[in-house]
């Protein structure tokens, strides 16, 4: 009787373990995932340029593979794609970044004028809605907003003027990251062979999971970069044609908002419509045309761009996206938000490929 009870207790603990870790290959995969997460989490601040280089090299590898399919030698494809990448990086650093920085500083410097312009409209609220607003409440609200905006502007300007160490670090990264990307692309097979020697021999499940991750993550990363570029280009062409102030800055924000689905589109609406309001007012036709154009761009992004670019990518539920942004953003700040969706895609790909009790391929994996 005691032996039978002990056997039942052992089965009570072993069945969940067998369900989660059904064979030795699953145990090896679990160890690899845990060690990778611990290393990334503990060394993220030190090795963030390395992680960024790996992501960018992974993005460029897709273009190199396309060229290799057209029978172009890999070394020639690497040099061609890397040259295009460096040209784009040069455009970003020499033209785009200074222009965006200049427009951002101009916008911050005009905050007092924007506040004065807004005061005229806000002070009419007590006349229009006397039961909801009073003059004292409006004055206190304007004082608080003005103080906060001015403090924020001073902090931004002082940070941009005094962060010499940050500038030096950025220059070092600008040299190291492209160099690492080049060698990651050029010596891909050599690096993979070196890394594989540390992997367990019983790694068929790990290879299966990586193939699933590679397909889904590759589609997502390349599609997301394409979406950012298209949104930036279309937004800048639209804003510049309409004569909107700070067109390049707002277009860059339109592109970046694609990184954070749902939340990004909501946040970027305020600066775009705010600049249009303070430039033209609500009574002008230009403001209404801008609202229509902005709505069309956002609708085209959701209706056309996303389905076309991500037709083969993993579809994540809105709740999963928000949880991923909160979780990884809490771990790694800005970079966690930046990589939240790719990391969530990896998690879902791992869960999709993970073997389960009753899986037809489970026995084949265990025997191989």
Protein backbone atom coordinates (compact mmCIF):
# COMPACT_ATOMS: atom_id res chain seq x y z
CA UNK A 1 0.00 0.00 0.00
CA UNK A 2 2.81 2.41 0.88
CA UNK A 3 4.63 1.50 -2.31
CA UNK A 4 1.52 2.20 -4.36
CA UNK A 5 1.04 5.59 -2.64
CA UNK A 6 4.67 6.50 -3.28
CA UNK A 7 4.24 5.53 -6.94
CA UNK A 8 1.16 7.76 -7.26
CA UNK A 9 3.05 10.67 -5.68
CA UNK A 10 5.93 10.21 -8.07
CA UNK A 11 3.57 10.20 -11.02
CA UNK A 12 1.91 13.35 -9.66
CA UNK A 13 5.23 15.22 -9.93
CA UNK A 14 6.66 13.45 -12.97
CA UNK A 15 3.72 13.84 -15.35
CA UNK A 16 3.88 17.67 -15.51
CA UNK A 17 7.65 17.46 -15.96
CA UNK A 18 7.26 14.92 -18.76
CA UNK A 19 4.65 17.14 -20.38
CA UNK A 20 6.98 20.13 -20.34
CA UNK A 21 10.27 18.25 -20.88
CA UNK A 22 9.21 15.09 -22.75
CA UNK A 23 12.74 14.00 -23.78
CA UNK A 24 16.43 14.80 -23.48
CA UNK A 25 16.34 17.11 -26.47
CA UNK A 26 13.69 19.26 -24.78
CA UNK A 27 15.88 19.42 -21.68
CA UNK A 28 18.83 20.55 -23.81
CA UNK A 29 16.69 23.19 -25.50
CA UNK A 30 15.38 24.43 -22.14
CA UNK A 31 18.93 24.77 -20.81
CA UNK A 32 20.00 26.69 -23.95
CA UNK A 33 17.05 29.08 -23.64
CA UNK A 34 17.60 29.70 -19.92
CA UNK A 35 21.35 30.29 -20.31
CA UNK A 36 20.76 32.61 -23.28
CA UNK A 37 18.19 34.65 -21.37
CA UNK A 38 20.42 34.96 -18.30
CA UNK A 39 23.41 36.05 -20.38
CA UNK A 40 21.38 38.60 -22.35
CA UNK A 41 19.71 39.96 -19.24
CA UNK A 42 22.92 40.26 -17.20
CA UNK A 43 25.13 41.58 -20.01
CA UNK A 44 22.61 43.71 -21.91
CA UNK A 45 24.14 47.03 -20.82
CA UNK A 46 27.66 45.96 -21.76
CA UNK A 47 26.92 44.09 -24.98
CA UNK A 48 24.03 46.11 -26.43
CA UNK A 49 26.17 47.11 -29.49
CA UNK A 50 26.81 43.41 -30.08
CA UNK A 51 23.11 42.57 -29.90
CA UNK A 52 22.28 45.49 -32.22
CA UNK A 53 24.95 44.28 -34.66
CA UNK A 54 23.49 40.77 -34.64
CA UNK A 55 19.99 42.09 -35.36
CA UNK A 56 21.19 44.31 -38.22
CA UNK A 57 23.35 41.52 -39.65
CA UNK A 58 20.35 39.22 -39.47
CA UNK A 59 18.33 41.81 -41.38
CA UNK A 60 20.99 42.17 -44.08
CA UNK A 61 21.43 38.40 -44.34
CA UNK A 62 18.01 38.17 -45.96
CA UNK A 63 19.14 40.48 -48.78
CA UNK A 64 22.37 38.52 -49.19
CA UNK A 65 20.41 35.26 -49.47
CA UNK A 66 18.26 36.78 -52.21
CA UNK A 67 21.38 37.75 -54.15
CA UNK A 68 22.88 34.30 -53.63
CA UNK A 69 19.73 32.79 -55.11
CA UNK A 70 20.49 34.82 -58.24
CA UNK A 71 23.90 33.06 -58.40
CA UNK A 72 25.93 35.98 -57.08
CA UNK A 73 28.95 34.80 -55.03
CA UNK A 74 28.43 35.30 -51.30
CA UNK A 75 31.49 37.51 -50.83
CA UNK A 76 30.37 39.81 -53.64
CA UNK A 77 26.84 39.88 -52.19
CA UNK A 78 28.23 40.76 -48.76
CA UNK A 79 30.27 43.67 -50.13
CA UNK A 80 27.31 44.95 -52.19
CA UNK A 81 24.76 44.79 -49.36
CA UNK A 82 27.19 46.20 -46.80
CA UNK A 83 28.05 49.11 -49.14
CA UNK A 84 24.35 49.94 -49.48
CA UNK A 85 23.99 49.72 -45.71
CA UNK A 86 26.90 52.11 -45.14
CA UNK A 87 25.44 54.53 -47.70
CA UNK A 88 22.13 54.51 -45.82
CA UNK A 89 23.96 54.97 -42.52
CA UNK A 90 25.88 57.91 -43.98
CA UNK A 91 22.62 59.51 -45.15
CA UNK A 92 21.18 59.00 -41.68
CA UNK A 93 24.15 60.56 -39.87
CA UNK A 94 25.09 63.33 -42.29
CA UNK A 95 21.68 64.57 -43.43
CA UNK A 96 18.74 63.09 -41.53
CA UNK A 97 20.00 63.17 -37.93
CA UNK A 98 21.23 66.81 -37.97
CA UNK A 99 18.02 67.96 -39.65
CA UNK A 100 15.81 66.15 -37.15
CA UNK A 101 17.90 67.46 -34.23
CA UNK A 102 17.67 71.01 -35.53
CA UNK A 103 13.90 70.82 -35.95
CA UNK A 104 13.52 69.27 -32.49
CA UNK A 105 15.51 72.11 -30.90
CA UNK A 106 13.48 74.70 -32.83
CA UNK A 107 10.25 73.10 -31.67
CA UNK A 108 11.43 73.12 -28.05
CA UNK A 109 12.51 76.77 -28.31
CA UNK A 110 9.06 77.71 -29.62
CA UNK A 111 7.26 76.07 -26.70
CA UNK A 112 6.64 79.45 -24.93
CA UNK A 113 5.03 80.84 -28.09
CA UNK A 114 2.96 77.69 -28.44
CA UNK A 115 1.79 78.05 -24.84
CA UNK A 116 0.77 81.67 -25.40
CA UNK A 117 -1.15 80.67 -28.50
CA UNK A 118 -2.89 77.89 -26.62
CA UNK A 119 -3.81 80.22 -23.75
CA UNK A 120 -6.10 82.23 -26.03
CA UNK A 121 -8.17 79.17 -26.84
CA UNK A 122 -8.10 77.76 -23.32
CA UNK A 123 -9.19 81.04 -21.71
CA UNK A 124 -12.41 80.87 -23.69
CA UNK A 125 -13.43 77.67 -21.92
CA UNK A 126 -14.88 79.47 -18.82
CA UNK A 127 -17.08 81.53 -21.16
CA UNK A 128 -18.27 78.52 -23.14
CA UNK A 129 -18.58 76.08 -20.23
CA UNK A 130 -18.87 78.12 -16.99
CA UNK A 131 -20.09 75.13 -14.96
CA UNK A 132 -17.06 73.01 -15.80
CA UNK A 133 -14.23 75.55 -15.90
CA UNK A 134 -13.33 78.61 -13.87
CA UNK A 135 -10.71 81.25 -14.52
CA UNK A 136 -8.69 80.24 -11.44
CA UNK A 137 -8.59 76.57 -12.46
CA UNK A 138 -7.53 77.46 -16.00
CA UNK A 139 -4.75 79.78 -14.74
CA UNK A 140 -3.42 77.10 -12.39
CA UNK A 141 -3.53 74.50 -15.16
CA UNK A 142 -1.69 76.77 -17.59
CA UNK A 143 0.95 77.58 -14.96
CA UNK A 144 1.62 73.91 -14.23
CA UNK A 145 1.80 72.96 -17.93
CA UNK A 146 4.05 75.90 -18.74
CA UNK A 147 6.44 75.09 -15.90
CA UNK A 148 6.66 71.40 -16.84
CA UNK A 149 7.21 72.11 -20.54
CA UNK A 150 9.90 74.71 -19.88
CA UNK A 151 11.70 72.39 -17.46
CA UNK A 152 11.56 69.58 -20.00
CA UNK A 153 12.91 71.87 -22.72
CA UNK A 154 15.78 73.04 -20.50
CA UNK A 155 16.65 69.46 -19.61
CA UNK A 156 16.73 68.43 -23.25
CA UNK A 157 18.90 71.38 -24.27
CA UNK A 158 21.28 70.94 -21.34
CA UNK A 159 21.52 67.21 -22.02
CA UNK A 160 22.33 67.78 -25.70
CA UNK A 161 24.97 70.34 -24.78
CA UNK A 162 26.61 68.55 -21.85
CA UNK A 163 26.52 64.87 -22.73
CA UNK A 164 30.08 64.72 -24.03
CA UNK A 165 30.58 61.22 -22.69
CA UNK A 166 27.44 60.04 -24.46
CA UNK A 167 28.63 61.58 -27.71
CA UNK A 168 32.01 59.87 -27.42
CA UNK A 169 30.30 56.54 -26.68
CA UNK A 170 28.03 57.01 -29.69
CA UNK A 171 31.06 57.67 -31.92
CA UNK A 172 32.73 54.51 -30.64
CA UNK A 173 29.58 52.51 -31.34
CA UNK A 174 29.34 54.01 -34.82
CA UNK A 175 32.75 52.54 -35.52
CA UNK A 176 32.30 49.19 -33.77
CA UNK A 177 28.79 48.28 -34.91
CA UNK A 178 29.42 48.49 -38.69
CA UNK A 179 32.68 46.60 -38.26
CA UNK A 180 30.94 43.82 -36.32
CA UNK A 181 28.13 43.68 -38.89
CA UNK A 182 30.65 43.23 -41.71
CA UNK A 183 32.46 40.35 -40.01
CA UNK A 184 29.20 38.71 -38.92
CA UNK A 185 28.14 38.66 -42.58
CA UNK A 186 31.51 37.79 -44.07
CA UNK A 187 32.41 35.00 -41.62
CA UNK A 188 28.89 33.72 -40.98
CA UNK A 189 29.67 30.04 -41.62
CA UNK A 190 32.89 30.19 -39.58
CA UNK A 191 31.14 31.80 -36.61
CA UNK A 192 28.24 29.36 -36.72
CA UNK A 193 30.62 26.40 -36.84
CA UNK A 194 32.52 27.77 -33.84
CA UNK A 195 29.29 28.30 -31.91
CA UNK A 196 27.85 24.87 -32.79
CA UNK A 197 30.81 23.05 -31.20
CA UNK A 198 29.54 24.20 -27.79
CA UNK A 199 26.04 22.87 -28.44
CA UNK A 200 24.96 19.40 -27.29
CA UNK A 201 25.07 16.65 -29.86
CA UNK A 202 21.44 15.80 -29.20
CA UNK A 203 20.16 19.04 -30.76
CA UNK A 204 17.60 18.00 -33.37
CA UNK A 205 14.81 19.72 -31.45
CA UNK A 206 16.91 22.87 -31.07
CA UNK A 207 17.44 22.93 -34.84
CA UNK A 208 13.72 22.47 -35.38
CA UNK A 209 12.88 25.36 -33.06
CA UNK A 210 15.52 27.58 -34.66
CA UNK A 211 14.10 26.91 -38.12
CA UNK A 212 10.69 28.01 -36.88
CA UNK A 213 12.18 31.09 -35.22
CA UNK A 214 14.26 31.91 -38.29
CA UNK A 215 11.25 31.91 -40.61
CA UNK A 216 8.96 33.95 -38.37
CA UNK A 217 11.53 36.35 -36.95
CA UNK A 218 13.13 37.01 -40.34
CA UNK A 219 9.77 37.87 -41.90
CA UNK A 220 8.92 40.17 -39.01
CA UNK A 221 12.22 42.07 -38.81
CA UNK A 222 12.49 42.67 -42.57
CA UNK A 223 8.82 43.61 -42.80
CA UNK A 224 9.08 46.02 -39.87
CA UNK A 225 12.07 47.87 -41.35
CA UNK A 226 10.22 48.14 -44.68
CA UNK A 227 7.15 49.51 -42.88
CA UNK A 228 9.23 52.12 -41.05
CA UNK A 229 10.88 53.32 -44.27
CA UNK A 230 7.60 53.51 -46.21
CA UNK A 231 5.81 55.39 -43.42
CA UNK A 232 8.69 57.85 -43.09
CA UNK A 233 8.90 58.50 -46.85
CA UNK A 234 5.15 58.88 -47.43
CA UNK A 235 4.70 61.05 -44.32
CA UNK A 236 7.57 63.37 -45.22
CA UNK A 237 6.33 63.76 -48.81
CA UNK A 238 2.84 64.56 -47.52
CA UNK A 239 3.88 66.97 -44.75
CA UNK A 240 6.44 68.79 -46.90
CA UNK A 241 3.96 69.19 -49.77
CA UNK A 242 1.37 70.67 -47.40
CA UNK A 243 3.97 73.03 -45.89
CA UNK A 244 3.73 71.66 -42.35
CA UNK A 245 6.41 72.89 -39.97
CA UNK A 246 8.97 70.37 -38.69
CA UNK A 247 8.01 67.98 -41.53
CA UNK A 248 11.12 65.81 -41.24
CA UNK A 249 10.89 65.50 -37.45
CA UNK A 250 7.23 64.49 -37.60
CA UNK A 251 7.89 62.07 -40.47
CA UNK A 252 10.61 60.35 -38.44
CA UNK A 253 8.14 60.04 -35.54
CA UNK A 254 5.64 58.52 -37.97
CA UNK A 255 8.19 55.90 -38.96
CA UNK A 256 9.28 55.14 -35.40
CA UNK A 257 5.68 54.71 -34.24
CA UNK A 258 5.54 51.48 -36.26
CA UNK A 259 7.96 49.93 -33.74
CA UNK A 260 5.31 50.10 -30.99
CA UNK A 261 1.97 48.92 -32.44
CA UNK A 262 -1.20 50.59 -31.17
CA UNK A 263 0.62 52.68 -28.56
CA UNK A 264 2.98 54.36 -31.05
CA UNK A 265 0.19 55.48 -33.38
CA UNK A 266 -1.65 57.03 -30.43
CA UNK A 267 1.40 58.89 -29.13
CA UNK A 268 2.47 60.33 -32.49
CA UNK A 269 -1.02 61.75 -33.12
CA UNK A 270 -0.55 64.51 -30.53
CA UNK A 271 2.61 66.13 -31.97
CA UNK A 272 1.37 65.93 -35.59
CA UNK A 273 -2.04 67.43 -34.92
CA UNK A 274 -0.60 69.80 -32.30
CA UNK A 275 1.90 71.34 -34.72
CA UNK A 276 -0.81 71.62 -37.37
CA UNK A 277 -3.16 73.30 -34.90
CA UNK A 278 -0.62 75.89 -33.74
CA UNK A 279 0.43 76.59 -37.33
CA UNK A 280 -2.99 76.92 -38.99
CA UNK A 281 -5.63 76.83 -36.24
CA UNK A 282 -8.85 74.89 -36.32
CA UNK A 283 -10.60 77.29 -38.68
CA UNK A 284 -8.23 76.87 -41.64
CA UNK A 285 -8.73 74.40 -44.46
CA UNK A 286 -5.08 73.35 -44.16
CA UNK A 287 -5.70 71.80 -40.74
CA UNK A 288 -8.62 69.75 -42.03
CA UNK A 289 -6.60 68.59 -45.05
CA UNK A 290 -3.77 67.55 -42.72
CA UNK A 291 -6.16 65.58 -40.51
CA UNK A 292 -7.54 63.78 -43.58
CA UNK A 293 -4.06 63.03 -44.93
CA UNK A 294 -2.85 61.77 -41.55
CA UNK A 295 -5.91 59.53 -41.19
CA UNK A 296 -5.38 58.10 -44.68
CA UNK A 297 -1.70 57.32 -43.94
CA UNK A 298 -2.59 55.52 -40.71
CA UNK A 299 -5.42 53.63 -42.43
CA UNK A 300 -3.18 52.55 -45.33
CA UNK A 301 -0.61 51.34 -42.82
CA UNK A 302 -3.14 49.16 -41.03
CA UNK A 303 -5.14 47.98 -44.05
CA UNK A 304 -2.44 47.55 -46.73
CA UNK A 305 1.12 47.70 -45.36
CA UNK A 306 0.71 45.41 -42.36
CA UNK A 307 -1.20 42.62 -44.19
CA UNK A 308 1.18 42.70 -47.18
CA UNK A 309 4.46 42.91 -45.25
CA UNK A 310 3.52 40.52 -42.45
CA UNK A 311 1.38 37.99 -44.34
CA UNK A 312 3.87 35.22 -43.50
CA UNK A 313 4.84 36.43 -40.04
CA UNK A 314 3.49 35.23 -36.73
CA UNK A 315 0.25 36.96 -35.82
CA UNK A 316 0.36 38.15 -32.23
CA UNK A 317 -2.75 39.10 -30.30
CA UNK A 318 -3.02 42.73 -29.20
CA UNK A 319 -2.85 41.67 -25.53
CA UNK A 320 0.33 39.67 -26.21
CA UNK A 321 1.90 42.72 -27.88
CA UNK A 322 1.06 45.03 -24.98
CA UNK A 323 2.31 42.50 -22.41
CA UNK A 324 5.55 42.07 -24.38
CA UNK A 325 6.10 45.84 -24.51
CA UNK A 326 5.50 46.20 -20.77
CA UNK A 327 7.60 43.16 -19.82
CA UNK A 328 10.66 43.70 -22.02
CA UNK A 329 10.44 47.48 -21.62
CA UNK A 330 10.58 46.99 -17.87
CA UNK A 331 13.66 44.79 -18.24
CA UNK A 332 15.71 46.82 -20.73
CA UNK A 333 14.06 50.23 -21.07
CA UNK A 334 14.07 51.73 -24.58
CA UNK A 335 15.84 48.76 -26.14
CA UNK A 336 13.35 46.43 -24.52
CA UNK A 337 10.49 48.33 -26.15
CA UNK A 338 12.41 48.38 -29.45
CA UNK A 339 12.91 44.60 -29.46
CA UNK A 340 9.67 43.68 -27.64
CA UNK A 341 7.79 42.40 -30.69
CA UNK A 342 10.72 40.38 -32.13
CA UNK A 343 11.29 38.82 -28.71
CA UNK A 344 7.60 38.02 -28.38
CA UNK A 345 7.76 36.49 -31.86
CA UNK A 346 10.66 34.30 -30.72
CA UNK A 347 8.71 33.18 -27.63
CA UNK A 348 5.69 32.25 -29.72
CA UNK A 349 7.83 30.42 -32.28
CA UNK A 350 9.47 28.41 -29.48
CA UNK A 351 6.08 27.53 -28.00
CA UNK A 352 4.78 26.54 -31.44
CA UNK A 353 7.72 24.23 -32.16
CA UNK A 354 7.95 22.81 -28.62
CA UNK A 355 7.18 19.08 -28.54
CA UNK A 356 4.15 17.91 -26.62
CA UNK A 357 2.88 14.61 -25.35
CA UNK A 358 1.10 12.98 -28.29
CA UNK A 359 3.15 14.84 -30.89
CA UNK A 360 3.67 12.56 -33.89
CA UNK A 361 7.23 13.76 -34.36
CA UNK A 362 8.15 13.34 -30.70
CA UNK A 363 9.18 9.73 -31.01
CA UNK A 364 11.13 10.46 -34.18
CA UNK A 365 13.01 13.22 -32.38
CA UNK A 366 13.77 10.97 -29.44
CA UNK A 367 15.04 8.18 -31.67
CA UNK A 368 17.15 10.43 -33.93
